Amino acid sequence: MATVSDLFRYPVKGCAGTSVTRAQVLPTGVLHDRTFMFVRASDGVFRSQRSTPRLSVIRPELTTEADKLMLTAPDVPAMAVDVRTEGRRLSVDIHGVWDGEAVDQGDDAAEWASTLLGEPVRLVRVAPDHTRAVDDWHGQITFTDSTPLHLTALSSLDDLNARILEKGADPVPMARCREPDGGVSFGIKVAVTTPGEIHVGDEITVR
């Protein structure tokens, strides 16, 4: 039986995550996870920490009603974004394997992020008619790389940090242990695991 020790949501693809105590899980993953992302202004190609490392300093906070997105970063004024679910749409591209349309979140958010990141970008949100699937097995997803959910075990994190410490570096927290830009991260304590399955409480089975 496993217990959830940490639960993180990432409202903006590539940015810092938010620790939550509970979350609504939809077929596409946790509600409001990776529903926003930054794209290159010139061609709509998504930005990630691989291409734009400074995304890691942006901390998004979404209101309960999901009508306002607050973006904060060190040494700059915060940006409050009035979330637009309809309006101007941009053509966007993720990994060159999916392209579609997303709702642009306005010039103020774009200017704030472009100045911070050092490159022209736009902030976009999934459109109401958004549809995207990597394959039939994983089903529909938002702006994640491949899967709706990402689960990691504390025993794996402990093993990783032991090896990091041997190299003289600092250990990493669970929030950093995520599939690159994909899924929500569950930090779990696993006592007994059926091969291919993890049971959380009496009602949740993750395969």
C-alpha atoms as a PDB file:
ATOM      1  CA  MET A   1       0.000   0.000   0.000  1.00  0.00           C
ATOM      2  CA  ALA A   2       1.297   3.445  -0.923  1.00  0.00           C
ATOM      3  CA  THR A   3       0.592   6.813   0.649  1.00  0.00           C
ATOM      4  CA  VAL A   4       0.862  10.163  -1.123  1.00  0.00           C
ATOM      5  CA  SER A   5       3.547  12.270   0.561  1.00  0.00           C
ATOM      6  CA  ASP A   6       3.608  15.231  -1.839  1.00  0.00           C
ATOM      7  CA  LEU A   7       1.395  16.449  -4.630  1.00  0.00           C
ATOM      8  CA  PHE A   8       2.458  19.120  -7.107  1.00  0.00           C
ATOM      9  CA  ARG A   9       0.642  20.916  -9.884  1.00  0.00           C
ATOM     10  CA  TYR A  10       2.327  22.880 -12.670  1.00  0.00           C
ATOM     11  CA  PRO A  11      -0.131  25.435 -14.102  1.00  0.00           C
ATOM     12  CA  VAL A  12       2.406  26.777 -16.625  1.00  0.00           C
ATOM     13  CA  LYS A  13       4.459  24.301 -18.620  1.00  0.00           C
ATOM     14  CA  GLY A  14       8.144  24.543 -17.757  1.00  0.00           C
ATOM     15  CA  CYS A  15       7.695  26.830 -14.740  1.00  0.00           C
ATOM     16  CA  ALA A  16       7.891  26.054 -11.027  1.00  0.00           C
ATOM     17  CA  GLY A  17       5.251  23.819  -9.496  1.00  0.00           C
ATOM     18  CA  THR A  18       2.729  24.496  -6.767  1.00  0.00           C
ATOM     19  CA  SER A  19       2.333  22.169  -3.803  1.00  0.00           C
ATOM     20  CA  VAL A  20      -1.314  21.227  -3.200  1.00  0.00           C
ATOM     21  CA  THR A  21      -3.040  19.106  -0.563  1.00  0.00           C
ATOM     22  CA  ARG A  22      -5.753  17.809  -2.864  1.00  0.00           C
ATOM     23  CA  ALA A  23      -6.518  17.858  -6.565  1.00  0.00           C
ATOM     24  CA  GLN A  24      -9.279  16.907  -8.955  1.00  0.00           C
ATOM     25  CA  VAL A  25      -8.050  14.371 -11.491  1.00  0.00           C
ATOM     26  CA  LEU A  26      -9.583  14.421 -14.971  1.00  0.00           C
ATOM     27  CA  PRO A  27      -8.883  12.089 -17.916  1.00  0.00           C
ATOM     28  CA  THR A  28      -6.385  14.757 -19.073  1.00  0.00           C
ATOM     29  CA  GLY A  29      -4.636  14.839 -15.673  1.00  0.00           C
ATOM     30  CA  VAL A  30      -4.949  17.093 -12.657  1.00  0.00           C
ATOM     31  CA  LEU A  31      -7.330  20.002 -13.195  1.00  0.00           C
ATOM     32  CA  HIS A  32      -5.448  23.123 -14.438  1.00  0.00           C
ATOM     33  CA  ASP A  33      -2.119  21.282 -14.793  1.00  0.00           C
ATOM     34  CA  ARG A  34      -0.128  22.517 -17.820  1.00  0.00           C
ATOM     35  CA  THR A  35      -3.062  24.493 -19.153  1.00  0.00           C
ATOM     36  CA  PHE A  36      -0.715  27.430 -19.871  1.00  0.00           C
ATOM     37  CA  MET A  37       2.638  27.634 -21.618  1.00  0.00           C
ATOM     38  CA  PHE A  38       5.044  30.153 -23.053  1.00  0.00           C
ATOM     39  CA  VAL A  39       5.739  30.019 -26.776  1.00  0.00           C
ATOM     40  CA  ARG A  40       8.259  31.789 -28.971  1.00  0.00           C
ATOM     41  CA  ALA A  41       6.580  34.889 -30.340  1.00  0.00           C
ATOM     42  CA  SER A  42       7.926  34.425 -33.848  1.00  0.00           C
ATOM     43  CA  ASP A  43       6.641  30.922 -34.569  1.00  0.00           C
ATOM     44  CA  GLY A  44       4.641  29.569 -31.623  1.00  0.00           C
ATOM     45  CA  VAL A  45       7.173  26.890 -30.639  1.00  0.00           C
ATOM     46  CA  PHE A  46       6.821  26.046 -26.939  1.00  0.00           C
ATOM     47  CA  ARG A  47       9.478  27.099 -24.451  1.00  0.00           C
ATOM     48  CA  SER A  48      10.805  24.697 -21.807  1.00  0.00           C
ATOM     49  CA  GLN A  49      13.662  24.736 -19.314  1.00  0.00           C
ATOM     50  CA  ARG A  50      15.712  22.880 -21.896  1.00  0.00           C
ATOM     51  CA  SER A  51      15.616  25.908 -24.194  1.00  0.00           C
ATOM     52  CA  THR A  52      14.818  28.630 -21.671  1.00  0.00           C
ATOM     53  CA  PRO A  53      16.285  27.785 -18.222  1.00  0.00           C
ATOM     54  CA  ARG A  54      14.985  30.958 -16.572  1.00  0.00           C
ATOM     55  CA  LEU A  55      11.468  29.558 -16.743  1.00  0.00           C
ATOM     56  CA  SER A  56      12.396  27.748 -13.536  1.00  0.00           C
ATOM     57  CA  VAL A  57      12.296  31.014 -11.534  1.00  0.00           C
ATOM     58  CA  ILE A  58       8.698  31.819 -12.529  1.00  0.00           C
ATOM     59  CA  ARG A  59       6.188  30.729  -9.880  1.00  0.00           C
ATOM     60  CA  PRO A  60       2.587  30.622 -11.113  1.00  0.00           C
ATOM     61  CA  GLU A  61      -0.413  30.691  -8.776  1.00  0.00           C
ATOM     62  CA  LEU A  62      -3.904  30.134 -10.133  1.00  0.00           C
ATOM     63  CA  THR A  63      -6.979  31.302  -8.229  1.00  0.00           C
ATOM     64  CA  THR A  64      -9.560  28.751  -7.141  1.00  0.00           C
ATOM     65  CA  GLU A  65     -11.909  30.026  -9.820  1.00  0.00           C
ATOM     66  CA  ALA A  66      -9.062  29.798 -12.364  1.00  0.00           C
ATOM     67  CA  ASP A  67      -9.907  33.306 -13.568  1.00  0.00           C
ATOM     68  CA  LYS A  68      -6.622  34.936 -12.568  1.00  0.00           C
ATOM     69  CA  LEU A  69      -3.046  33.715 -12.903  1.00  0.00           C
ATOM     70  CA  MET A  70      -0.379  35.348 -10.730  1.00  0.00           C
ATOM     71  CA  LEU A  71       3.193  35.135 -12.000  1.00  0.00           C
ATOM     72  CA  THR A  72       6.068  35.960  -9.658  1.00  0.00           C
ATOM     73  CA  ALA A  73       9.849  35.854 -10.037  1.00  0.00           C
ATOM     74  CA  PRO A  74      12.795  37.169  -8.016  1.00  0.00           C
ATOM     75  CA  ASP A  75      13.583  40.906  -8.239  1.00  0.00           C
ATOM     76  CA  VAL A  76      10.726  41.815 -10.579  1.00  0.00           C
ATOM     77  CA  PRO A  77       7.171  43.035  -9.912  1.00  0.00           C
ATOM     78  CA  ALA A  78       4.511  40.328  -9.956  1.00  0.00           C
ATOM     79  CA  MET A  79       2.234  39.992 -12.961  1.00  0.00           C
ATOM     80  CA  ALA A  80      -1.507  39.383 -12.513  1.00  0.00           C
ATOM     81  CA  VAL A  81      -3.035  37.865 -15.639  1.00  0.00           C
ATOM     82  CA  ASP A  82      -6.790  37.957 -16.185  1.00  0.00           C
ATOM     83  CA  VAL A  83      -7.249  34.526 -17.719  1.00  0.00           C
ATOM     84  CA  ARG A  84      -8.744  34.517 -21.195  1.00  0.00           C
ATOM     85  CA  THR A  85     -10.551  31.342 -22.224  1.00  0.00           C
ATOM     86  CA  GLU A  86     -11.668  32.893 -25.505  1.00  0.00           C
ATOM     87  CA  GLY A  87     -10.108  35.450 -27.802  1.00  0.00           C
ATOM     88  CA  ARG A  88      -7.184  35.741 -30.164  1.00  0.00           C
ATOM     89  CA  ARG A  89      -5.662  32.378 -30.993  1.00  0.00           C
ATOM     90  CA  LEU A  90      -2.070  31.558 -31.889  1.00  0.00           C
ATOM     91  CA  SER A  91      -0.727  28.559 -33.767  1.00  0.00           C
ATOM     92  CA  VAL A  92       1.512  26.633 -31.368  1.00  0.00           C
ATOM     93  CA  ASP A  93       3.904  23.710 -31.675  1.00  0.00           C
ATOM     94  CA  ILE A  94       5.112  21.146 -29.119  1.00  0.00           C
ATOM     95  CA  HIS A  95       8.203  19.111 -30.031  1.00  0.00           C
ATOM     96  CA  GLY A  96       7.390  19.331 -33.716  1.00  0.00           C
ATOM     97  CA  VAL A  97       4.967  16.423 -33.318  1.00  0.00           C
ATOM     98  CA  TRP A  98       1.833  18.360 -32.373  1.00  0.00           C
ATOM     99  CA  ASP A  99       0.531  21.670 -33.575  1.00  0.00           C
ATOM    100  CA  GLY A 100      -2.723  23.367 -32.794  1.00  0.00           C
ATOM    101  CA  GLU A 101      -4.262  26.578 -31.545  1.00  0.00           C
ATOM    102  CA  ALA A 102      -4.109  28.182 -28.107  1.00  0.00           C
ATOM    103  CA  VAL A 103      -5.646  31.315 -26.625  1.00  0.00           C
ATOM    104  CA  ASP A 104      -3.220  34.244 -26.296  1.00  0.00           C
ATOM    105  CA  GLN A 105      -3.167  35.842 -22.823  1.00  0.00           C
ATOM    106  CA  GLY A 106      -2.378  39.384 -23.870  1.00  0.00           C
ATOM    107  CA  ASP A 107       0.443  41.866 -24.333  1.00  0.00           C
ATOM    108  CA  ASP A 108       1.100  42.634 -20.657  1.00  0.00           C
ATOM    109  CA  ALA A 109       1.909  39.006 -19.821  1.00  0.00           C
ATOM    110  CA  ALA A 110       3.998  38.706 -22.966  1.00  0.00           C
ATOM    111  CA  GLU A 111       6.026  41.840 -22.196  1.00  0.00           C
ATOM    112  CA  TRP A 112       6.597  40.777 -18.570  1.00  0.00           C
ATOM    113  CA  ALA A 113       7.830  37.328 -19.542  1.00  0.00           C
ATOM    114  CA  SER A 114       9.842  38.477 -22.554  1.00  0.00           C
ATOM    115  CA  THR A 115      11.798  40.926 -20.405  1.00  0.00           C
ATOM    116  CA  LEU A 116      12.425  38.317 -17.726  1.00  0.00           C
ATOM    117  CA  LEU A 117      13.387  35.497 -20.101  1.00  0.00           C
ATOM    118  CA  GLY A 118      15.410  37.602 -22.518  1.00  0.00           C
ATOM    119  CA  GLU A 119      13.502  36.498 -25.599  1.00  0.00           C
ATOM    120  CA  PRO A 120      10.168  37.439 -27.191  1.00  0.00           C
ATOM    121  CA  VAL A 121       7.482  35.055 -25.931  1.00  0.00           C
ATOM    122  CA  ARG A 122       3.709  34.858 -25.613  1.00  0.00           C
ATOM    123  CA  LEU A 123       1.698  33.223 -22.836  1.00  0.00           C
ATOM    124  CA  VAL A 124      -1.077  30.969 -24.128  1.00  0.00           C
ATOM    125  CA  ARG A 125      -3.812  28.802 -22.623  1.00  0.00           C
ATOM    126  CA  VAL A 126      -5.474  25.619 -23.890  1.00  0.00           C
ATOM    127  CA  ALA A 127      -8.509  26.463 -25.967  1.00  0.00           C
ATOM    128  CA  PRO A 128     -11.980  25.209 -24.919  1.00  0.00           C
ATOM    129  CA  ASP A 129     -11.976  22.826 -27.897  1.00  0.00           C
ATOM    130  CA  HIS A 130      -8.393  21.674 -27.262  1.00  0.00           C
ATOM    131  CA  THR A 131      -7.719  18.061 -28.211  1.00  0.00           C
ATOM    132  CA  ARG A 132      -4.359  16.313 -28.144  1.00  0.00           C
ATOM    133  CA  ALA A 133      -3.191  12.749 -27.613  1.00  0.00           C
ATOM    134  CA  VAL A 134       0.282  11.236 -27.903  1.00  0.00           C
ATOM    135  CA  ASP A 135      -1.211   7.782 -28.500  1.00  0.00           C
ATOM    136  CA  ASP A 136      -4.330   5.735 -27.758  1.00  0.00           C
ATOM    137  CA  TRP A 137      -2.871   4.295 -24.539  1.00  0.00           C
ATOM    138  CA  HIS A 138      -2.243   7.606 -22.752  1.00  0.00           C
ATOM    139  CA  GLY A 139      -5.395   9.350 -23.922  1.00  0.00           C
ATOM    140  CA  GLN A 140      -6.033  13.091 -24.069  1.00  0.00           C
ATOM    141  CA  ILE A 141      -3.569  15.522 -22.494  1.00  0.00           C
ATOM    142  CA  THR A 142      -3.148  19.286 -22.105  1.00  0.00           C
ATOM    143  CA  PHE A 143       0.277  20.840 -22.832  1.00  0.00           C
ATOM    144  CA  THR A 144       2.191  18.023 -21.081  1.00  0.00           C
ATOM    145  CA  ASP A 145       4.896  16.225 -23.020  1.00  0.00           C
ATOM    146  CA  SER A 146       3.308  12.791 -23.031  1.00  0.00           C
ATOM    147  CA  THR A 147       1.278  11.665 -20.005  1.00  0.00           C
ATOM    148  CA  PRO A 148      -1.501  13.071 -17.790  1.00  0.00           C
ATOM    149  CA  LEU A 149       0.200  12.008 -14.535  1.00  0.00           C
ATOM    150  CA  HIS A 150       3.741  11.415 -13.320  1.00  0.00           C
ATOM    151  CA  LEU A 151       4.410   9.327 -10.232  1.00  0.00           C
ATOM    152  CA  THR A 152       7.741   9.108  -8.406  1.00  0.00           C
ATOM    153  CA  ALA A 153       8.740   7.085  -5.343  1.00  0.00           C
ATOM    154  CA  LEU A 154      10.537   8.520  -2.326  1.00  0.00           C
ATOM    155  CA  SER A 155      12.830   5.489  -2.289  1.00  0.00           C
ATOM    156  CA  SER A 156      14.003   6.447  -5.780  1.00  0.00           C
ATOM    157  CA  LEU A 157      14.549  10.041  -4.679  1.00  0.00           C
ATOM    158  CA  ASP A 158      16.537   8.859  -1.658  1.00  0.00           C
ATOM    159  CA  ASP A 159      18.735   6.730  -3.905  1.00  0.00           C
ATOM    160  CA  LEU A 160      19.269   9.612  -6.329  1.00  0.00           C
ATOM    161  CA  ASN A 161      20.180  12.047  -3.544  1.00  0.00           C
ATOM    162  CA  ALA A 162      22.645   9.576  -2.031  1.00  0.00           C
ATOM    163  CA  ARG A 163      24.497   9.478  -5.334  1.00  0.00           C
ATOM    164  CA  ILE A 164      24.308  13.268  -5.680  1.00  0.00           C
ATOM    165  CA  LEU A 165      25.797  13.716  -2.218  1.00  0.00           C
ATOM    166  CA  GLU A 166      28.628  11.335  -3.117  1.00  0.00           C
ATOM    167  CA  LYS A 167      29.503  13.758  -5.919  1.00  0.00           C
ATOM    168  CA  GLY A 168      29.575  16.671  -3.475  1.00  0.00           C
ATOM    169  CA  ALA A 169      26.450  18.360  -4.816  1.00  0.00           C
ATOM    170  CA  ASP A 170      23.251  19.401  -3.068  1.00  0.00           C
ATOM    171  CA  PRO A 171      20.268  17.009  -2.903  1.00  0.00           C
ATOM    172  CA  VAL A 172      17.147  17.806  -4.889  1.00  0.00           C
ATOM    173  CA  PRO A 173      13.544  18.020  -3.615  1.00  0.00           C
ATOM    174  CA  MET A 174      10.682  15.944  -4.953  1.00  0.00           C
ATOM    175  CA  ALA A 175       9.344  18.957  -6.867  1.00  0.00           C
ATOM    176  CA  ARG A 176      12.333  18.693  -9.216  1.00  0.00           C
ATOM    177  CA  CYS A 177      11.695  15.019  -9.938  1.00  0.00           C
ATOM    178  CA  ARG A 178       9.287  15.193 -12.797  1.00  0.00           C
ATOM    179  CA  GLU A 179       9.144  14.018 -16.324  1.00  0.00           C
ATOM    180  CA  PRO A 180      10.421  17.023 -18.271  1.00  0.00           C
ATOM    181  CA  ASP A 181       7.399  19.261 -18.601  1.00  0.00           C
ATOM    182  CA  GLY A 182       5.048  16.296 -18.389  1.00  0.00           C
ATOM    183  CA  GLY A 183       2.324  15.352 -15.940  1.00  0.00           C
ATOM    184  CA  VAL A 184       1.749  16.147 -12.351  1.00  0.00           C
ATOM    185  CA  SER A 185       4.200  14.812  -9.771  1.00  0.00           C
ATOM    186  CA  PHE A 186       3.074  12.548  -6.953  1.00  0.00           C
ATOM    187  CA  GLY A 187       5.691  11.868  -4.281  1.00  0.00           C
ATOM    188  CA  ILE A 188       4.745   8.591  -2.643  1.00  0.00           C
ATOM    189  CA  LYS A 189       5.929   6.229   0.049  1.00  0.00           C
ATOM    190  CA  VAL A 190       5.685   2.668  -1.222  1.00  0.00           C
ATOM    191  CA  ALA A 191       5.539  -0.248   1.194  1.00  0.00           C
ATOM    192  CA  VAL A 192       4.226  -3.057  -1.029  1.00  0.00           C
ATOM    193  CA  THR A 193       3.853  -2.774  -4.778  1.00  0.00           C
ATOM    194  CA  THR A 194       2.198  -5.209  -7.176  1.00  0.00           C
ATOM    195  CA  PRO A 195       4.270  -5.384 -10.382  1.00  0.00           C
ATOM    196  CA  GLY A 196       2.842  -2.785 -12.727  1.00  0.00           C
ATOM    197  CA  GLU A 197       0.471  -1.349 -10.120  1.00  0.00           C
ATOM    198  CA  ILE A 198       0.617   1.017  -7.150  1.00  0.00           C
ATOM    199  CA  HIS A 199      -2.330   1.177  -4.757  1.00  0.00           C
ATOM    200  CA  VAL A 200      -2.987   4.423  -2.884  1.00  0.00           C
ATOM    201  CA  GLY A 201      -5.530   3.891  -0.113  1.00  0.00           C
ATOM    202  CA  ASP A 202      -8.504   1.670  -0.868  1.00  0.00           C
ATOM    203  CA  GLU A 203      -9.844   3.416  -3.965  1.00  0.00           C
ATOM    204  CA  ILE A 204      -6.921   4.485  -6.176  1.00  0.00           C
ATOM    205  CA  THR A 205      -4.888   2.164  -8.376  1.00  0.00           C
ATOM    206  CA  VAL A 206      -2.198   3.585 -10.633  1.00  0.00           C
ATOM    207  CA  ARG A 207      -1.061   1.355 -13.492  1.00  0.00           C
END
